[in-house]
Amino acid sequence: MATTTSLAGRSGGERDGALRFSWQNLALLVAALVAIVAGFALLAGGSTTAAPLLLVLGYVVLLPLAIIR
């Protein structure tokens, strides 16, 4: 006989495996967006050192941290 589970006892529509975002995630996401926008602004201005560093920081470090933390 198969058993079924009910979601009636859970509050706020939480599901197992669902992403839960906190203030830390939001702060990391904002920092990533600021770094990315600043990187593109510097890139448009002709920067060859700071722009790529900011873009890598935003896309490779901060954005994934904002998603998985």
Protein backbone atom coordinates (compact mmCIF):
# COMPACT_ATOMS: atom_id res chain seq x y z
CA MET A 1 0.00 0.00 0.00
CA ALA A 2 1.45 3.38 -0.98
CA THR A 3 1.53 6.22 1.49
CA THR A 4 0.90 9.84 0.62
CA THR A 5 2.24 12.90 2.33
CA SER A 6 0.25 15.97 3.04
CA LEU A 7 1.44 19.55 2.92
CA ALA A 8 -1.30 20.67 5.29
CA GLY A 9 1.03 20.76 8.31
CA ARG A 10 3.58 23.06 6.69
CA SER A 11 3.48 26.80 7.12
CA GLY A 12 4.09 29.45 4.50
CA GLY A 13 4.14 27.06 1.55
CA GLU A 14 7.65 25.77 2.34
CA ARG A 15 8.69 22.69 0.40
CA ASP A 16 11.60 20.32 0.84
CA GLY A 17 14.50 21.40 -1.35
CA ALA A 18 13.10 24.88 -1.90
CA LEU A 19 15.53 27.78 -1.96
CA ARG A 20 15.37 29.99 1.09
CA PHE A 21 16.77 33.49 0.71
CA SER A 22 17.94 35.51 3.68
CA TRP A 23 19.29 39.04 4.14
CA GLN A 24 22.79 37.67 3.56
CA ASN A 25 21.73 36.36 0.15
CA LEU A 26 20.18 39.70 -0.71
CA ALA A 27 23.30 41.60 0.36
CA LEU A 28 25.52 39.32 -1.76
CA LEU A 29 23.18 39.73 -4.73
CA VAL A 30 23.24 43.52 -4.44
CA ALA A 31 27.04 43.47 -4.13
CA ALA A 32 27.26 41.27 -7.24
CA LEU A 33 25.01 43.61 -9.22
CA VAL A 34 27.01 46.66 -8.12
CA ALA A 35 30.28 44.98 -9.11
CA ILE A 36 28.88 43.95 -12.49
CA VAL A 37 27.45 47.39 -13.30
CA ALA A 38 30.66 49.10 -12.15
CA GLY A 39 32.69 46.66 -14.23
CA PHE A 40 30.72 47.38 -17.38
CA ALA A 41 30.88 51.13 -16.71
CA LEU A 42 34.65 50.96 -16.35
CA LEU A 43 34.87 48.76 -19.45
CA ALA A 44 32.97 51.35 -21.45
CA GLY A 45 35.43 53.96 -20.19
CA GLY A 46 38.40 51.99 -21.44
CA SER A 47 39.69 50.37 -18.26
CA THR A 48 41.70 47.24 -18.99
CA THR A 49 42.53 46.21 -15.43
CA ALA A 50 39.76 47.09 -12.99
CA ALA A 51 36.83 46.29 -15.28
CA PRO A 52 37.66 42.61 -15.86
CA LEU A 53 38.46 42.13 -12.18
CA LEU A 54 35.10 43.56 -11.12
CA LEU A 55 33.24 41.50 -13.71
CA VAL A 56 34.93 38.28 -12.62
CA LEU A 57 34.27 39.16 -8.98
CA GLY A 58 30.60 39.79 -9.72
CA TYR A 59 29.90 36.84 -12.04
CA VAL A 60 32.21 34.14 -10.68
CA VAL A 61 32.37 34.88 -6.95
CA LEU A 62 29.51 37.00 -5.63
CA LEU A 63 26.61 35.85 -7.81
CA PRO A 64 27.12 32.13 -7.11
CA LEU A 65 27.56 32.88 -3.40
CA ALA A 66 24.29 34.80 -3.42
CA ILE A 67 22.53 31.78 -4.91
CA ILE A 68 23.98 28.95 -2.81
CA ARG A 69 24.33 30.57 0.63
